[in-house]
PDB file of N, CA and C in Angstrom:
ATOM      1  N   MET A   1      68.805  80.253  85.537  1.00  0.00           N
ATOM      2  CA  MET A   1      70.240  80.442  85.653  1.00  0.00           C
ATOM      3  C   MET A   1      70.892  79.087  85.906  1.00  0.00           C
ATOM      4  N   ALA A   2      72.085  78.937  85.405  1.00  0.00           N
ATOM      5  CA  ALA A   2      72.815  77.679  85.570  1.00  0.00           C
ATOM      6  C   ALA A   2      73.031  77.383  87.049  1.00  0.00           C
ATOM      7  N   THR A   3      72.831  76.149  87.429  1.00  0.00           N
ATOM      8  CA  THR A   3      72.989  75.772  88.838  1.00  0.00           C
ATOM      9  C   THR A   3      74.450  75.662  89.257  1.00  0.00           C
ATOM     10  N   ASN A   4      75.358  75.617  88.297  1.00  0.00           N
ATOM     11  CA  ASN A   4      76.780  75.526  88.637  1.00  0.00           C
ATOM     12  C   ASN A   4      77.463  76.892  88.673  1.00  0.00           C
ATOM     13  N   PHE A   5      76.745  77.964  88.370  1.00  0.00           N
ATOM     14  CA  PHE A   5      77.305  79.315  88.402  1.00  0.00           C
ATOM     15  C   PHE A   5      77.320  79.786  89.846  1.00  0.00           C
ATOM     16  N   LEU A   6      78.500  80.098  90.369  1.00  0.00           N
ATOM     17  CA  LEU A   6      78.642  80.383  91.795  1.00  0.00           C
ATOM     18  C   LEU A   6      78.591  81.857  92.167  1.00  0.00           C
ATOM     19  N   GLN A   7      79.136  82.722  91.319  1.00  0.00           N
ATOM     20  CA  GLN A   7      79.265  84.100  91.755  1.00  0.00           C
ATOM     21  C   GLN A   7      79.448  85.025  90.564  1.00  0.00           C
ATOM     22  N   ASP A   8      78.747  86.153  90.587  1.00  0.00           N
ATOM     23  CA  ASP A   8      78.926  87.202  89.593  1.00  0.00           C
ATOM     24  C   ASP A   8      79.463  88.412  90.345  1.00  0.00           C
ATOM     25  N   ASN A   9      80.774  88.446  90.503  1.00  0.00           N
ATOM     26  CA  ASN A   9      81.343  89.458  91.360  1.00  0.00           C
ATOM     27  C   ASN A   9      82.830  89.598  91.081  1.00  0.00           C
ATOM     28  N   THR A  10      83.415  90.673  91.543  1.00  0.00           N
ATOM     29  CA  THR A  10      84.860  90.850  91.445  1.00  0.00           C
ATOM     30  C   THR A  10      85.486  90.909  92.837  1.00  0.00           C
ATOM     31  N   VAL A  11      84.728  90.480  93.844  1.00  0.00           N
ATOM     32  CA  VAL A  11      85.251  90.389  95.202  1.00  0.00           C
ATOM     33  C   VAL A  11      85.264  88.921  95.596  1.00  0.00           C
ATOM     34  N   LEU A  12      86.450  88.453  95.988  1.00  0.00           N
ATOM     35  CA  LEU A  12      86.603  87.063  96.404  1.00  0.00           C
ATOM     36  C   LEU A  12      87.059  87.006  97.849  1.00  0.00           C
ATOM     37  N   ASN A  13      86.678  85.967  98.558  1.00  0.00           N
ATOM     38  CA  ASN A  13      87.194  85.711  99.901  1.00  0.00           C
ATOM     39  C   ASN A  13      88.434  84.850  99.753  1.00  0.00           C
ATOM     40  N   LEU A  14      89.585  85.432 100.091  1.00  0.00           N
ATOM     41  CA  LEU A  14      90.862  84.758  99.908  1.00  0.00           C
ATOM     42  C   LEU A  14      91.598  84.619 101.240  1.00  0.00           C
ATOM     43  N   THR A  15      92.407  83.579 101.334  1.00  0.00           N
ATOM     44  CA  THR A  15      93.228  83.342 102.517  1.00  0.00           C
ATOM     45  C   THR A  15      94.541  84.095 102.360  1.00  0.00           C
ATOM     46  N   MET A  16      94.858  84.930 103.340  1.00  0.00           N
ATOM     47  CA  MET A  16      96.040  85.793 103.260  1.00  0.00           C
ATOM     48  C   MET A  16      97.336  85.026 103.509  1.00  0.00           C
ATOM     49  N   PRO A  17      98.312  85.224 102.591  1.00  0.00           N
ATOM     50  CA  PRO A  17      99.631  84.618 102.788  1.00  0.00           C
ATOM     51  C   PRO A  17     100.516  85.458 103.714  1.00  0.00           C
ATOM     52  N   TYR A  18     100.076  86.676 104.025  1.00  0.00           N
ATOM     53  CA  TYR A  18     100.769  87.575 104.942  1.00  0.00           C
ATOM     54  C   TYR A  18      99.761  88.618 105.403  1.00  0.00           C
ATOM     55  N   VAL A  19     100.070  89.332 106.485  1.00  0.00           N
ATOM     56  CA  VAL A  19      99.161  90.332 107.054  1.00  0.00           C
ATOM     57  C   VAL A  19      98.926  91.463 106.055  1.00  0.00           C
ATOM     58  N   ARG A  20      97.677  91.879 105.907  1.00  0.00           N
ATOM     59  CA  ARG A  20      97.315  92.993 105.034  1.00  0.00           C
ATOM     60  C   ARG A  20      96.305  93.881 105.743  1.00  0.00           C
ATOM     61  N   THR A  21      96.356  95.154 105.432  1.00  0.00           N
ATOM     62  CA  THR A  21      95.352  96.082 105.938  1.00  0.00           C
ATOM     63  C   THR A  21      94.497  96.549 104.761  1.00  0.00           C
ATOM     64  N   SER A  22      93.379  97.130 105.092  1.00  0.00           N
ATOM     65  CA  SER A  22      92.451  97.608 104.078  1.00  0.00           C
ATOM     66  C   SER A  22      93.159  98.513 103.077  1.00  0.00           C
ATOM     67  N   GLY A  23      92.993  98.220 101.788  1.00  0.00           N
ATOM     68  CA  GLY A  23      93.583  99.027 100.723  1.00  0.00           C
ATOM     69  C   GLY A  23      94.931  98.533 100.234  1.00  0.00           C
ATOM     70  N   GLN A  24      95.506  97.549 100.907  1.00  0.00           N
ATOM     71  CA  GLN A  24      96.799  97.038 100.463  1.00  0.00           C
ATOM     72  C   GLN A  24      96.625  95.934  99.432  1.00  0.00           C
ATOM     73  N   GLY A  25      97.593  95.850  98.528  1.00  0.00           N
ATOM     74  CA  GLY A  25      97.601  94.800  97.526  1.00  0.00           C
ATOM     75  C   GLY A  25      98.080  93.490  98.113  1.00  0.00           C
ATOM     76  N   VAL A  26      97.648  92.394  97.489  1.00  0.00           N
ATOM     77  CA  VAL A  26      98.068  91.062  97.928  1.00  0.00           C
ATOM     78  C   VAL A  26      98.118  90.139  96.720  1.00  0.00           C
ATOM     79  N   LEU A  27      99.097  89.260  96.725  1.00  0.00           N
ATOM     80  CA  LEU A  27      99.211  88.235  95.696  1.00  0.00           C
ATOM     81  C   LEU A  27      98.979  86.890  96.380  1.00  0.00           C
ATOM     82  N   VAL A  28      97.887  86.234  96.010  1.00  0.00           N
ATOM     83  CA  VAL A  28      97.538  84.920  96.559  1.00  0.00           C
ATOM     84  C   VAL A  28      97.722  83.923  95.423  1.00  0.00           C
ATOM     85  N   GLY A  29      98.798  83.172  95.485  1.00  0.00           N
ATOM     86  CA  GLY A  29      99.146  82.326  94.349  1.00  0.00           C
ATOM     87  C   GLY A  29      99.480  83.216  93.173  1.00  0.00           C
ATOM     88  N   ALA A  30      98.695  83.133  92.118  1.00  0.00           N
ATOM     89  CA  ALA A  30      98.876  84.009  90.955  1.00  0.00           C
ATOM     90  C   ALA A  30      97.700  84.968  90.806  1.00  0.00           C
ATOM     91  N   LEU A  31      96.918  85.147  91.882  1.00  0.00           N
ATOM     92  CA  LEU A  31      95.749  86.025  91.849  1.00  0.00           C
ATOM     93  C   LEU A  31      96.043  87.275  92.662  1.00  0.00           C
ATOM     94  N   PHE A  32      95.999  88.451  91.998  1.00  0.00           N
ATOM     95  CA  PHE A  32      96.252  89.720  92.679  1.00  0.00           C
ATOM     96  C   PHE A  32      94.940  90.406  92.994  1.00  0.00           C
ATOM     97  N   GLY A  33      94.930  91.105  94.118  1.00  0.00           N
ATOM     98  CA  GLY A  33      93.774  91.905  94.471  1.00  0.00           C
ATOM     99  C   GLY A  33      94.122  92.933  95.527  1.00  0.00           C
ATOM    100  N   VAL A  34      93.135  93.734  95.893  1.00  0.00           N
ATOM    101  CA  VAL A  34      93.276  94.753  96.913  1.00  0.00           C
ATOM    102  C   VAL A  34      92.329  94.410  98.056  1.00  0.00           C
ATOM    103  N   CYS A  35      92.887  94.335  99.274  1.00  0.00           N
ATOM    104  CA  CYS A  35      92.099  93.963 100.448  1.00  0.00           C
ATOM    105  C   CYS A  35      91.081  95.049 100.774  1.00  0.00           C
ATOM    106  N   LEU A  36      89.863  94.621 101.074  1.00  0.00           N
ATOM    107  CA  LEU A  36      88.801  95.569 101.402  1.00  0.00           C
ATOM    108  C   LEU A  36      88.677  95.787 102.907  1.00  0.00           C
ATOM    109  N   THR A  37      89.334  94.943 103.698  1.00  0.00           N
ATOM    110  CA  THR A  37      89.361  95.060 105.155  1.00  0.00           C
ATOM    111  C   THR A  37      90.741  94.656 105.637  1.00  0.00           C
ATOM    112  N   ASP A  38      91.018  94.855 106.910  1.00  0.00           N
ATOM    113  CA  ASP A  38      92.240  94.328 107.506  1.00  0.00           C
ATOM    114  C   ASP A  38      92.100  92.815 107.584  1.00  0.00           C
ATOM    115  N   ILE A  39      93.151  92.076 107.193  1.00  0.00           N
ATOM    116  CA  ILE A  39      93.095  90.614 107.182  1.00  0.00           C
ATOM    117  C   ILE A  39      94.398  90.062 107.744  1.00  0.00           C
ATOM    118  N   ALA A  40      94.296  89.215 108.754  1.00  0.00           N
ATOM    119  CA  ALA A  40      95.474  88.622 109.381  1.00  0.00           C
ATOM    120  C   ALA A  40      96.057  87.518 108.504  1.00  0.00           C
ATOM    121  N   ASN A  41      97.327  87.216 108.723  1.00  0.00           N
ATOM    122  CA  ASN A  41      97.991  86.120 108.026  1.00  0.00           C
ATOM    123  C   ASN A  41      97.229  84.820 108.285  1.00  0.00           C
ATOM    124  N   GLY A  42      96.861  84.108 107.232  1.00  0.00           N
ATOM    125  CA  GLY A  42      96.134  82.854 107.348  1.00  0.00           C
ATOM    126  C   GLY A  42      94.629  83.004 107.470  1.00  0.00           C
ATOM    127  N   ALA A  43      94.153  84.230 107.656  1.00  0.00           N
ATOM    128  CA  ALA A  43      92.712  84.479 107.759  1.00  0.00           C
ATOM    129  C   ALA A  43      92.117  84.685 106.367  1.00  0.00           C
ATOM    130  N   VAL A  44      90.816  84.526 106.276  1.00  0.00           N
ATOM    131  CA  VAL A  44      90.092  84.721 105.020  1.00  0.00           C
ATOM    132  C   VAL A  44      89.429  86.091 105.062  1.00  0.00           C
ATOM    133  N   GLY A  45      89.542  86.829 103.952  1.00  0.00           N
ATOM    134  CA  GLY A  45      88.924  88.140 103.894  1.00  0.00           C
ATOM    135  C   GLY A  45      88.579  88.545 102.480  1.00  0.00           C
ATOM    136  N   ALA A  46      87.813  89.636 102.372  1.00  0.00           N
ATOM    137  CA  ALA A  46      87.331  90.126 101.087  1.00  0.00           C
ATOM    138  C   ALA A  46      88.430  90.870 100.337  1.00  0.00           C
ATOM    139  N   VAL A  47      88.641  90.460  99.071  1.00  0.00           N
ATOM    140  CA  VAL A  47      89.667  91.043  98.219  1.00  0.00           C
ATOM    141  C   VAL A  47      89.050  91.393  96.865  1.00  0.00           C
ATOM    142  N   ALA A  48      89.178  92.662  96.468  1.00  0.00           N
ATOM    143  CA  ALA A  48      88.712  93.083  95.144  1.00  0.00           C
ATOM    144  C   ALA A  48      89.738  92.622  94.113  1.00  0.00           C
ATOM    145  N   THR A  49      89.275  91.964  93.063  1.00  0.00           N
ATOM    146  CA  THR A  49      90.174  91.442  92.044  1.00  0.00           C
ATOM    147  C   THR A  49      90.111  92.219  90.731  1.00  0.00           C
ATOM    148  N   HIS A  50      89.355  93.318  90.728  1.00  0.00           N
ATOM    149  CA  HIS A  50      89.218  94.107  89.509  1.00  0.00           C
ATOM    150  C   HIS A  50      88.871  95.532  89.903  1.00  0.00           C
ATOM    151  N   GLY A  51      89.562  96.491  89.322  1.00  0.00           N
ATOM    152  CA  GLY A  51      89.244  97.887  89.606  1.00  0.00           C
ATOM    153  C   GLY A  51      90.451  98.774  89.446  1.00  0.00           C
ATOM    154  N   ILE A  52      90.359  99.967  90.006  1.00  0.00           N
ATOM    155  CA  ILE A  52      91.460 100.918  89.998  1.00  0.00           C
ATOM    156  C   ILE A  52      91.734 101.290  91.444  1.00  0.00           C
ATOM    157  N   ALA A  53      93.002 101.216  91.825  1.00  0.00           N
ATOM    158  CA  ALA A  53      93.393 101.545  93.198  1.00  0.00           C
ATOM    159  C   ALA A  53      94.705 102.312  93.191  1.00  0.00           C
ATOM    160  N   THR A  54      94.886 103.123  94.216  1.00  0.00           N
ATOM    161  CA  THR A  54      96.159 103.784  94.438  1.00  0.00           C
ATOM    162  C   THR A  54      97.012 102.829  95.253  1.00  0.00           C
ATOM    163  N   LEU A  55      98.156 102.441  94.693  1.00  0.00           N
ATOM    164  CA  LEU A  55      99.021 101.452  95.328  1.00  0.00           C
ATOM    165  C   LEU A  55     100.440 101.996  95.454  1.00  0.00           C
ATOM    166  N   PRO A  56     101.199 101.481  96.422  1.00  0.00           N
ATOM    167  CA  PRO A  56     102.584 101.926  96.549  1.00  0.00           C
ATOM    168  C   PRO A  56     103.384 101.551  95.306  1.00  0.00           C
ATOM    169  N   LYS A  57     104.294 102.424  94.916  1.00  0.00           N
ATOM    170  CA  LYS A  57     105.118 102.160  93.741  1.00  0.00           C
ATOM    171  C   LYS A  57     106.583 102.405  94.057  1.00  0.00           C
ATOM    172  N   LEU A  58     107.420 101.827  93.263  1.00  0.00           N
ATOM    173  CA  LEU A  58     108.855 102.015  93.374  1.00  0.00           C
ATOM    174  C   LEU A  58     109.188 103.478  93.131  1.00  0.00           C
ATOM    175  N   ALA A  59     109.774 104.123  94.116  1.00  0.00           N
ATOM    176  CA  ALA A  59     110.183 105.518  93.950  1.00  0.00           C
ATOM    177  C   ALA A  59     111.317 105.590  92.941  1.00  0.00           C
ATOM    178  N   GLY A  60     111.360 106.661  92.193  1.00  0.00           N
ATOM    179  CA  GLY A  60     112.414 106.853  91.202  1.00  0.00           C
ATOM    180  C   GLY A  60     112.042 106.384  89.811  1.00  0.00           C
ATOM    181  N   ALA A  61     110.914 105.710  89.689  1.00  0.00           N
ATOM    182  CA  ALA A  61     110.464 105.237  88.376  1.00  0.00           C
ATOM    183  C   ALA A  61     109.197 105.984  87.975  1.00  0.00           C
ATOM    184  N   ALA A  62     109.197 106.526  86.777  1.00  0.00           N
ATOM    185  CA  ALA A  62     108.017 107.212  86.260  1.00  0.00           C
ATOM    186  C   ALA A  62     107.161 106.219  85.476  1.00  0.00           C
ATOM    187  N   TRP A  63     105.847 106.421  85.517  1.00  0.00           N
ATOM    188  CA  TRP A  63     104.917 105.575  84.765  1.00  0.00           C
ATOM    189  C   TRP A  63     104.225 106.393  83.698  1.00  0.00           C
ATOM    190  N   ALA A  64     104.136 105.847  82.509  1.00  0.00           N
ATOM    191  CA  ALA A  64     103.290 106.421  81.464  1.00  0.00           C
ATOM    192  C   ALA A  64     101.905 105.772  81.584  1.00  0.00           C
ATOM    193  N   GLN A  65     100.881 106.519  81.288  1.00  0.00           N
ATOM    194  CA  GLN A  65      99.541 105.949  81.318  1.00  0.00           C
ATOM    195  C   GLN A  65      99.472 104.769  80.368  1.00  0.00           C
ATOM    196  N   GLY A  66      98.928 103.655  80.823  1.00  0.00           N
ATOM    197  CA  GLY A  66      98.800 102.461  79.999  1.00  0.00           C
ATOM    198  C   GLY A  66      99.979 101.511  80.085  1.00  0.00           C
ATOM    199  N   ALA A  67     101.040 101.895  80.790  1.00  0.00           N
ATOM    200  CA  ALA A  67     102.207 101.009  80.948  1.00  0.00           C
ATOM    201  C   ALA A  67     101.817  99.778  81.766  1.00  0.00           C
ATOM    202  N   ARG A  68     102.413  98.645  81.432  1.00  0.00           N
ATOM    203  CA  ARG A  68     102.178  97.446  82.230  1.00  0.00           C
ATOM    204  C   ARG A  68     102.741  97.662  83.628  1.00  0.00           C
ATOM    205  N   VAL A  69     101.983  97.243  84.640  1.00  0.00           N
ATOM    206  CA  VAL A  69     102.400  97.391  86.030  1.00  0.00           C
ATOM    207  C   VAL A  69     102.581  96.001  86.626  1.00  0.00           C
ATOM    208  N   PHE A  70     103.667  95.843  87.368  1.00  0.00           N
ATOM    209  CA  PHE A  70     104.020  94.563  87.971  1.00  0.00           C
ATOM    210  C   PHE A  70     104.023  94.669  89.490  1.00  0.00           C
ATOM    211  N   TRP A  71     103.716  93.572  90.172  1.00  0.00           N
ATOM    212  CA  TRP A  71     103.709  93.512  91.623  1.00  0.00           C
ATOM    213  C   TRP A  71     104.979  92.825  92.106  1.00  0.00           C
ATOM    214  N   ASP A  72     105.739  93.537  92.919  1.00  0.00           N
ATOM    215  CA  ASP A  72     106.929  92.981  93.568  1.00  0.00           C
ATOM    216  C   ASP A  72     106.453  92.403  94.896  1.00  0.00           C
ATOM    217  N   ASN A  73     106.331  91.092  94.977  1.00  0.00           N
ATOM    218  CA  ASN A  73     105.764  90.454  96.158  1.00  0.00           C
ATOM    219  C   ASN A  73     106.735  90.434  97.338  1.00  0.00           C
ATOM    220  N   THR A  74     108.007  90.730  97.100  1.00  0.00           N
ATOM    221  CA  THR A  74     108.969  90.827  98.195  1.00  0.00           C
ATOM    222  C   THR A  74     108.848  92.186  98.878  1.00  0.00           C
ATOM    223  N   LEU A  75     108.849  93.259  98.076  1.00  0.00           N
ATOM    224  CA  LEU A  75     108.735  94.616  98.619  1.00  0.00           C
ATOM    225  C   LEU A  75     107.284  95.049  98.776  1.00  0.00           C
ATOM    226  N   ARG A  76     106.373  94.275  98.198  1.00  0.00           N
ATOM    227  CA  ARG A  76     104.932  94.541  98.233  1.00  0.00           C
ATOM    228  C   ARG A  76     104.613  95.944  97.728  1.00  0.00           C
ATOM    229  N   GLN A  77     105.111  96.177  96.507  1.00  0.00           N
ATOM    230  CA  GLN A  77     104.860  97.438  95.818  1.00  0.00           C
ATOM    231  C   GLN A  77     104.842  97.190  94.314  1.00  0.00           C
ATOM    232  N   CYS A  78     104.403  98.189  93.578  1.00  0.00           N
ATOM    233  CA  CYS A  78     104.305  98.092  92.121  1.00  0.00           C
ATOM    234  C   CYS A  78     105.519  98.717  91.458  1.00  0.00           C
ATOM    235  N   ASP A  79     105.815  98.219  90.266  1.00  0.00           N
ATOM    236  CA  ASP A  79     106.839  98.826  89.426  1.00  0.00           C
ATOM    237  C   ASP A  79     106.533  98.493  87.975  1.00  0.00           C
ATOM    238  N   THR A  80     107.342  98.977  87.077  1.00  0.00           N
ATOM    239  CA  THR A  80     107.118  98.692  85.659  1.00  0.00           C
ATOM    240  C   THR A  80     108.215  97.796  85.107  1.00  0.00           C
ATOM    241  N   THR A  81     108.948  97.153  85.992  1.00  0.00           N
ATOM    242  CA  THR A  81     109.998  96.213  85.603  1.00  0.00           C
ATOM    243  C   THR A  81     109.499  94.796  85.843  1.00  0.00           C
ATOM    244  N   ALA A  82     109.585  93.965  84.827  1.00  0.00           N
ATOM    245  CA  ALA A  82     109.031  92.622  84.901  1.00  0.00           C
ATOM    246  C   ALA A  82     109.896  91.637  85.671  1.00  0.00           C
ATOM    247  N   ALA A  83     111.144  91.954  85.903  1.00  0.00           N
ATOM    248  CA  ALA A  83     112.100  90.997  86.471  1.00  0.00           C
ATOM    249  C   ALA A  83     111.595  90.366  87.768  1.00  0.00           C
ATOM    250  N   GLY A  84     111.181  89.104  87.690  1.00  0.00           N
ATOM    251  CA  GLY A  84     110.755  88.349  88.851  1.00  0.00           C
ATOM    252  C   GLY A  84     109.421  88.743  89.442  1.00  0.00           C
ATOM    253  N   ASP A  85     108.701  89.652  88.806  1.00  0.00           N
ATOM    254  CA  ASP A  85     107.437  90.141  89.343  1.00  0.00           C
ATOM    255  C   ASP A  85     106.255  89.643  88.507  1.00  0.00           C
ATOM    256  N   PHE A  86     105.032  89.916  88.978  1.00  0.00           N
ATOM    257  CA  PHE A  86     103.816  89.480  88.290  1.00  0.00           C
ATOM    258  C   PHE A  86     103.092  90.679  87.706  1.00  0.00           C
ATOM    259  N   CYS A  87     102.704  90.588  86.453  1.00  0.00           N
ATOM    260  CA  CYS A  87     101.912  91.644  85.822  1.00  0.00           C
ATOM    261  C   CYS A  87     100.528  91.637  86.455  1.00  0.00           C
ATOM    262  N   ILE A  88     100.121  92.803  86.991  1.00  0.00           N
ATOM    263  CA  ILE A  88      98.806  92.886  87.638  1.00  0.00           C
ATOM    264  C   ILE A  88      97.841  93.779  86.873  1.00  0.00           C
ATOM    265  N   GLY A  89      98.345  94.520  85.895  1.00  0.00           N
ATOM    266  CA  GLY A  89      97.456  95.398  85.139  1.00  0.00           C
ATOM    267  C   GLY A  89      98.225  96.511  84.469  1.00  0.00           C
ATOM    268  N   TYR A  90      97.652  97.720  84.512  1.00  0.00           N
ATOM    269  CA  TYR A  90      98.183  98.847  83.762  1.00  0.00           C
ATOM    270  C   TYR A  90      98.125 100.131  84.586  1.00  0.00           C
ATOM    271  N   ALA A  91      99.015 101.064  84.289  1.00  0.00           N
ATOM    272  CA  ALA A  91      98.971 102.369  84.933  1.00  0.00           C
ATOM    273  C   ALA A  91      97.726 103.100  84.438  1.00  0.00           C
ATOM    274  N   ALA A  92      96.851 103.471  85.378  1.00  0.00           N
ATOM    275  CA  ALA A  92      95.626 104.173  84.999  1.00  0.00           C
ATOM    276  C   ALA A  92      95.884 105.654  84.770  1.00  0.00           C
ATOM    277  N   ALA A  93      97.007 106.141  85.273  1.00  0.00           N
ATOM    278  CA  ALA A  93      97.371 107.547  85.119  1.00  0.00           C
ATOM    279  C   ALA A  93      98.889 107.660  85.146  1.00  0.00           C
ATOM    280  N   VAL A  94      99.375 108.779  84.681  1.00  0.00           N
ATOM    281  CA  VAL A  94     100.807 109.066  84.730  1.00  0.00           C
ATOM    282  C   VAL A  94     101.226 109.169  86.196  1.00  0.00           C
ATOM    283  N   ALA A  95     102.406 108.643  86.512  1.00  0.00           N
ATOM    284  CA  ALA A  95     102.986 108.796  87.850  1.00  0.00           C
ATOM    285  C   ALA A  95     104.422 109.267  87.683  1.00  0.00           C
ATOM    286  N   GLY A  96     104.789 110.297  88.409  1.00  0.00           N
ATOM    287  CA  GLY A  96     106.135 110.842  88.312  1.00  0.00           C
ATOM    288  C   GLY A  96     107.142 110.010  89.088  1.00  0.00           C
ATOM    289  N   SER A  97     108.406 110.216  88.799  1.00  0.00           N
ATOM    290  CA  SER A  97     109.455 109.445  89.464  1.00  0.00           C
ATOM    291  C   SER A  97     109.527 109.730  90.957  1.00  0.00           C
ATOM    292  N   ALA A  98     109.104 110.898  91.394  1.00  0.00           N
ATOM    293  CA  ALA A  98     109.111 111.225  92.818  1.00  0.00           C
ATOM    294  C   ALA A  98     107.887 110.675  93.555  1.00  0.00           C
ATOM    295  N   ASP A  99     106.876 110.226  92.814  1.00  0.00           N
ATOM    296  CA  ASP A  99     105.656 109.700  93.438  1.00  0.00           C
ATOM    297  C   ASP A  99     105.929 108.362  94.111  1.00  0.00           C
ATOM    298  N   VAL A 100     105.349 108.170  95.281  1.00  0.00           N
ATOM    299  CA  VAL A 100     105.500 106.896  95.989  1.00  0.00           C
ATOM    300  C   VAL A 100     104.266 106.020  95.839  1.00  0.00           C
ATOM    301  N   THR A 101     103.235 106.541  95.166  1.00  0.00           N
ATOM    302  CA  THR A 101     102.050 105.758  94.836  1.00  0.00           C
ATOM    303  C   THR A 101     101.689 105.993  93.376  1.00  0.00           C
ATOM    304  N   GLY A 102     100.907 105.074  92.830  1.00  0.00           N
ATOM    305  CA  GLY A 102     100.429 105.211  91.465  1.00  0.00           C
ATOM    306  C   GLY A 102      99.039 104.620  91.351  1.00  0.00           C
ATOM    307  N   SER A 103      98.311 105.080  90.368  1.00  0.00           N
ATOM    308  CA  SER A 103      96.961 104.597  90.112  1.00  0.00           C
ATOM    309  C   SER A 103      97.042 103.397  89.171  1.00  0.00           C
ATOM    310  N   VAL A 104      96.566 102.247  89.633  1.00  0.00           N
ATOM    311  CA  VAL A 104      96.703 100.996  88.889  1.00  0.00           C
ATOM    312  C   VAL A 104      95.338 100.418  88.540  1.00  0.00           C
ATOM    313  N   TYR A 105      95.145 100.109  87.269  1.00  0.00           N
ATOM    314  CA  TYR A 105      93.968  99.378  86.808  1.00  0.00           C
ATOM    315  C   TYR A 105      94.356  97.902  86.864  1.00  0.00           C
ATOM    316  N   PHE A 106      93.835  97.199  87.864  1.00  0.00           N
ATOM    317  CA  PHE A 106      94.170  95.785  88.019  1.00  0.00           C
ATOM    318  C   PHE A 106      92.978  94.944  87.572  1.00  0.00           C
ATOM    319  N   THR A 107      93.275  93.854  86.919  1.00  0.00           N
ATOM    320  CA  THR A 107      92.233  93.043  86.310  1.00  0.00           C
ATOM    321  C   THR A 107      92.429  91.565  86.637  1.00  0.00           C
ATOM    322  N   PRO A 108      91.339  90.811  86.789  1.00  0.00           N
ATOM    323  CA  PRO A 108      91.489  89.389  87.075  1.00  0.00           C
ATOM    324  C   PRO A 108      92.174  88.666  85.926  1.00  0.00           C
ATOM    325  N   GLY A 109      92.980  87.710  86.274  1.00  0.00           N
ATOM    326  CA  GLY A 109      93.641  86.918  85.268  1.00  0.00           C
ATOM    327  C   GLY A 109      94.860  87.579  84.640  1.00  0.00           C
ATOM    328  N   ARG A 110      95.207  88.783  85.076  1.00  0.00           N
ATOM    329  CA  ARG A 110      96.340  89.496  84.504  1.00  0.00           C
ATOM    330  C   ARG A 110      97.692  89.030  85.029  1.00  0.00           C
ATOM    331  N   PRO A 111      97.789  88.539  86.283  1.00  0.00           N
ATOM    332  CA  PRO A 111      99.142  88.190  86.733  1.00  0.00           C
ATOM    333  C   PRO A 111      99.820  87.208  85.808  1.00  0.00           C
ATOM    334  N   ILE A 112     100.893  87.646  85.199  1.00  0.00           N
ATOM    335  CA  ILE A 112     101.653  86.832  84.261  1.00  0.00           C
ATOM    336  C   ILE A 112     103.086  86.844  84.750  1.00  0.00           C
ATOM    337  N   PRO A 113     103.693  85.673  84.912  1.00  0.00           N
ATOM    338  CA  PRO A 113     105.093  85.671  85.343  1.00  0.00           C
ATOM    339  C   PRO A 113     105.947  86.495  84.391  1.00  0.00           C
ATOM    340  N   SER A 114     106.990  87.088  84.919  1.00  0.00           N
ATOM    341  CA  SER A 114     107.854  87.930  84.101  1.00  0.00           C
ATOM    342  C   SER A 114     108.424  87.138  82.936  1.00  0.00           C
ATOM    343  N   GLY A 115     108.802  87.851  81.915  1.00  0.00           N
ATOM    344  CA  GLY A 115     109.391  87.235  80.724  1.00  0.00           C
ATOM    345  C   GLY A 115     108.360  86.759  79.711  1.00  0.00           C
ATOM    346  N   THR A 116     107.073  87.049  79.984  1.00  0.00           N
ATOM    347  CA  THR A 116     106.036  86.628  79.040  1.00  0.00           C
ATOM    348  C   THR A 116     105.377  87.826  78.413  1.00  0.00           C
TER     349      THR A 116
END
């Protein structure tokens, strides 16, 4: 195996830009993931960068399966509007407008600034 290959995994140890609890989404720079443990602001913790998770979503907006999902880093929730947010993946399932959570397929390298 190559001596420069560091890790074959989708869990990274990242430094938190704000307090997160287990299961919450986080945007570290342009890298999105879901915290696997409670992590204090400035602390390093395990973050899954690929998978499907139930995440908070903007109430009042319905999602079609496969729709692009964006992370609002101010409200720390998902929506399907790109304005000022980062694309983190796709809706893994339909979510109704009354739903406050949605199933998101998030993938590494997906965060794309809005307008792209």
